[in-house]
Amino acid sequence: MKLAYVRSDNSGQVNLQLSNAAYELIERGVKVVGTIQIDTQRSDTNKCDMDVRVLPHGDTFRISQNLGPNARGCRLDTDGLERAVAQTVAQLDNAELLIINKFGKHEASGRGFRELIAEALAGDIPVLVGTNAMNLAAFLAFCDNQATYLSPDPDDLMNWLRPKPYQVA
């Protein structure tokens, strides 16, 4: 199983790192499918709009709801997320790498990209996932602690993707 994750304690950092890495890998000829997240600051609240773009050249889906400046509930638009999942599923057969912007609350509860991650791994497609401190334990439980922590540097990702040479005993 080739599964890795990146994480950061800085808000929005994983999104930027995965986006930069995805496009760098695509430029290097890797057939990347999956999603990256784009956050857009709003002038009327301290919350941002969250969109996911389906890689490599798919649609962009709004995955957040504007619940007002004083709202405290979950802003995830599950319909937008599930449309992004469906579009990503349709491209999995062409993948050399699956990138998922975030293993979040939706995945932790068994929905979202969770089944797609498992399907990719079952098909020997490497998977790179972003996560945060809040969902890290659920992600590690999901993969039975079999994921590798990586820096999001494209060279590190390329080294992780390359098969290791066989060693003769």
Protein backbone atom coordinates (compact mmCIF):
# COMPACT_ATOMS: atom_id res chain seq x y z
CA MET A 1 0.00 0.00 0.00
CA LYS A 2 1.45 3.34 -1.04
CA LEU A 3 -0.31 5.97 1.07
CA ALA A 4 1.16 9.24 2.31
CA TYR A 5 -0.10 12.38 3.97
CA VAL A 6 0.93 15.97 4.49
CA ARG A 7 -0.24 18.18 7.29
CA SER A 8 0.37 21.60 8.75
CA ASP A 9 -0.81 23.49 11.79
CA ASN A 10 -1.05 26.69 9.72
CA SER A 11 -4.50 27.32 8.28
CA GLY A 12 -4.54 26.96 4.50
CA GLN A 13 -0.91 25.79 4.29
CA VAL A 14 -1.73 22.20 3.26
CA ASN A 15 -4.04 23.48 0.51
CA LEU A 16 -1.28 25.62 -0.94
CA GLN A 17 1.36 22.89 -0.57
CA LEU A 18 -0.78 20.22 -2.23
CA SER A 19 -1.79 22.56 -5.03
CA ASN A 20 1.82 23.51 -5.78
CA ALA A 21 2.94 19.88 -5.60
CA ALA A 22 0.08 18.65 -7.81
CA TYR A 23 0.82 21.11 -10.60
CA GLU A 24 4.56 20.50 -10.37
CA LEU A 25 4.00 16.73 -10.65
CA ILE A 26 1.62 17.24 -13.59
CA GLU A 27 4.31 19.34 -15.31
CA ARG A 28 6.76 16.48 -14.73
CA GLY A 29 4.42 14.13 -16.56
CA VAL A 30 2.78 12.34 -13.63
CA LYS A 31 -0.87 11.46 -14.33
CA VAL A 32 -2.40 13.10 -11.27
CA VAL A 33 -6.11 12.92 -10.49
CA GLY A 34 -7.90 14.07 -7.36
CA THR A 35 -8.69 17.43 -5.81
CA ILE A 36 -7.01 20.55 -4.54
CA GLN A 37 -8.71 23.15 -2.36
CA ILE A 38 -8.86 26.86 -3.09
CA ASP A 39 -9.81 29.20 -0.24
CA THR A 40 -11.08 32.68 -1.06
CA GLN A 41 -11.31 35.26 1.71
CA ARG A 42 -14.66 36.99 2.15
CA SER A 43 -15.08 40.65 3.07
CA ASP A 44 -18.19 40.07 5.19
CA THR A 45 -16.81 37.42 7.57
CA ASN A 46 -13.57 35.94 8.83
CA LYS A 47 -14.54 32.64 7.15
CA CYS A 48 -13.45 31.90 3.59
CA ASP A 49 -15.24 30.33 0.66
CA MET A 50 -13.89 26.83 0.03
CA ASP A 51 -13.78 25.32 -3.44
CA VAL A 52 -12.21 22.12 -4.73
CA ARG A 53 -10.83 21.76 -8.22
CA VAL A 54 -10.83 18.32 -9.75
CA LEU A 55 -7.43 17.42 -11.18
CA PRO A 56 -6.00 17.57 -13.70
CA HIS A 57 -8.45 19.80 -15.63
CA GLY A 58 -11.87 19.18 -14.11
CA ASP A 59 -14.55 21.40 -12.68
CA THR A 60 -14.38 23.53 -9.55
CA PHE A 61 -17.04 22.87 -6.90
CA ARG A 62 -18.02 25.11 -3.98
CA ILE A 63 -17.84 22.94 -0.85
CA SER A 64 -18.71 25.59 1.73
CA GLN A 65 -21.95 27.29 2.63
CA ASN A 66 -22.21 30.89 3.74
CA LEU A 67 -24.06 30.55 7.03
CA GLY A 68 -23.61 34.17 8.03
CA PRO A 69 -20.93 36.02 9.98
CA ASN A 70 -21.92 34.69 13.42
CA ALA A 71 -22.55 31.05 12.50
CA ARG A 72 -20.57 28.40 14.31
CA GLY A 73 -21.87 25.19 12.70
CA CYS A 74 -20.30 23.06 10.00
CA ARG A 75 -20.11 24.97 6.74
CA LEU A 76 -19.40 21.95 4.52
CA ASP A 77 -21.67 21.73 1.48
CA THR A 78 -21.83 17.95 1.18
CA ASP A 79 -23.55 18.14 -2.23
CA GLY A 80 -20.60 20.06 -3.68
CA LEU A 81 -18.16 17.64 -2.12
CA GLU A 82 -20.00 14.58 -3.43
CA ARG A 83 -20.08 16.06 -6.96
CA ALA A 84 -16.29 16.48 -6.76
CA VAL A 85 -15.97 12.89 -5.54
CA ALA A 86 -18.07 11.61 -8.47
CA GLN A 87 -16.01 13.52 -11.03
CA THR A 88 -12.78 12.23 -9.48
CA VAL A 89 -14.03 8.62 -9.46
CA ALA A 90 -14.64 8.87 -13.21
CA GLN A 91 -10.94 9.65 -13.78
CA LEU A 92 -9.35 7.07 -11.49
CA ASP A 93 -8.57 4.59 -14.29
CA ASN A 94 -6.12 7.10 -15.80
CA ALA A 95 -4.26 7.84 -12.57
CA GLU A 96 -0.66 7.33 -11.54
CA LEU A 97 -1.32 9.29 -8.34
CA LEU A 98 -4.47 10.26 -6.45
CA ILE A 99 -4.28 13.50 -4.45
CA ILE A 100 -7.08 14.28 -2.02
CA ASN A 101 -7.05 17.78 -0.59
CA LYS A 102 -8.26 16.74 2.83
CA PHE A 103 -9.23 13.76 4.90
CA GLY A 104 -11.79 15.73 6.87
CA LYS A 105 -14.81 15.17 9.10
CA HIS A 106 -16.83 13.79 6.22
CA GLU A 107 -14.19 11.13 5.47
CA ALA A 108 -13.71 10.42 9.18
CA SER A 109 -17.40 9.52 9.36
CA GLY A 110 -17.16 7.13 6.39
CA ARG A 111 -18.23 9.38 3.53
CA GLY A 112 -16.63 11.75 1.01
CA PHE A 113 -13.41 10.52 -0.55
CA ARG A 114 -12.97 7.59 1.84
CA GLU A 115 -14.13 4.83 -0.55
CA LEU A 116 -12.19 6.36 -3.44
CA ILE A 117 -8.99 6.31 -1.39
CA ALA A 118 -9.55 2.62 -0.61
CA GLU A 119 -10.35 1.86 -4.27
CA ALA A 120 -7.18 3.58 -5.47
CA LEU A 121 -5.03 1.71 -2.96
CA ALA A 122 -6.67 -1.60 -3.95
CA GLY A 123 -5.75 -0.78 -7.56
CA ASP A 124 -2.10 -0.05 -6.62
CA ILE A 125 -2.49 3.68 -7.27
CA PRO A 126 -0.44 5.75 -4.79
CA VAL A 127 -2.52 8.17 -2.71
CA LEU A 128 -1.45 11.47 -1.16
CA VAL A 129 -3.84 13.03 1.34
CA GLY A 130 -3.89 16.32 3.19
CA THR A 131 -5.11 16.33 6.77
CA ASN A 132 -5.11 18.48 9.87
CA ALA A 133 -4.62 17.88 13.58
CA MET A 134 -8.37 17.53 14.17
CA ASN A 135 -8.74 14.63 11.70
CA LEU A 136 -5.29 13.05 11.88
CA ALA A 137 -6.28 10.33 14.38
CA ALA A 138 -9.28 9.32 12.26
CA PHE A 139 -7.09 9.20 9.15
CA LEU A 140 -4.45 7.06 10.86
CA ALA A 141 -7.16 4.73 12.18
CA PHE A 142 -8.64 4.47 8.68
CA CYS A 143 -5.30 3.36 7.23
CA ASP A 144 -4.27 1.30 10.26
CA ASN A 145 -1.25 3.58 10.76
CA GLN A 146 0.15 2.48 7.41
CA ALA A 147 0.57 5.97 5.92
CA THR A 148 3.87 7.75 5.46
CA TYR A 149 4.26 11.37 6.54
CA LEU A 150 5.83 13.44 3.75
CA SER A 151 6.92 16.99 3.29
CA PRO A 152 4.98 18.50 0.38
CA ASP A 153 8.17 19.26 -1.55
CA PRO A 154 7.70 17.97 -5.13
CA ASP A 155 11.14 16.31 -5.11
CA ASP A 156 10.26 14.41 -1.92
CA LEU A 157 6.96 13.39 -3.49
CA MET A 158 8.71 12.19 -6.65
CA ASN A 159 11.14 10.14 -4.55
CA TRP A 160 8.20 8.61 -2.69
CA LEU A 161 6.46 7.78 -5.98
CA ARG A 162 9.50 6.08 -7.54
CA PRO A 163 9.76 2.36 -6.94
CA LYS A 164 12.58 1.41 -4.62
CA PRO A 165 15.32 -0.66 -6.28
CA TYR A 166 15.44 -4.28 -5.22
CA GLN A 167 18.23 -5.18 -2.88
CA VAL A 168 19.92 -8.54 -3.37
CA ALA A 169 20.70 -10.30 -0.13
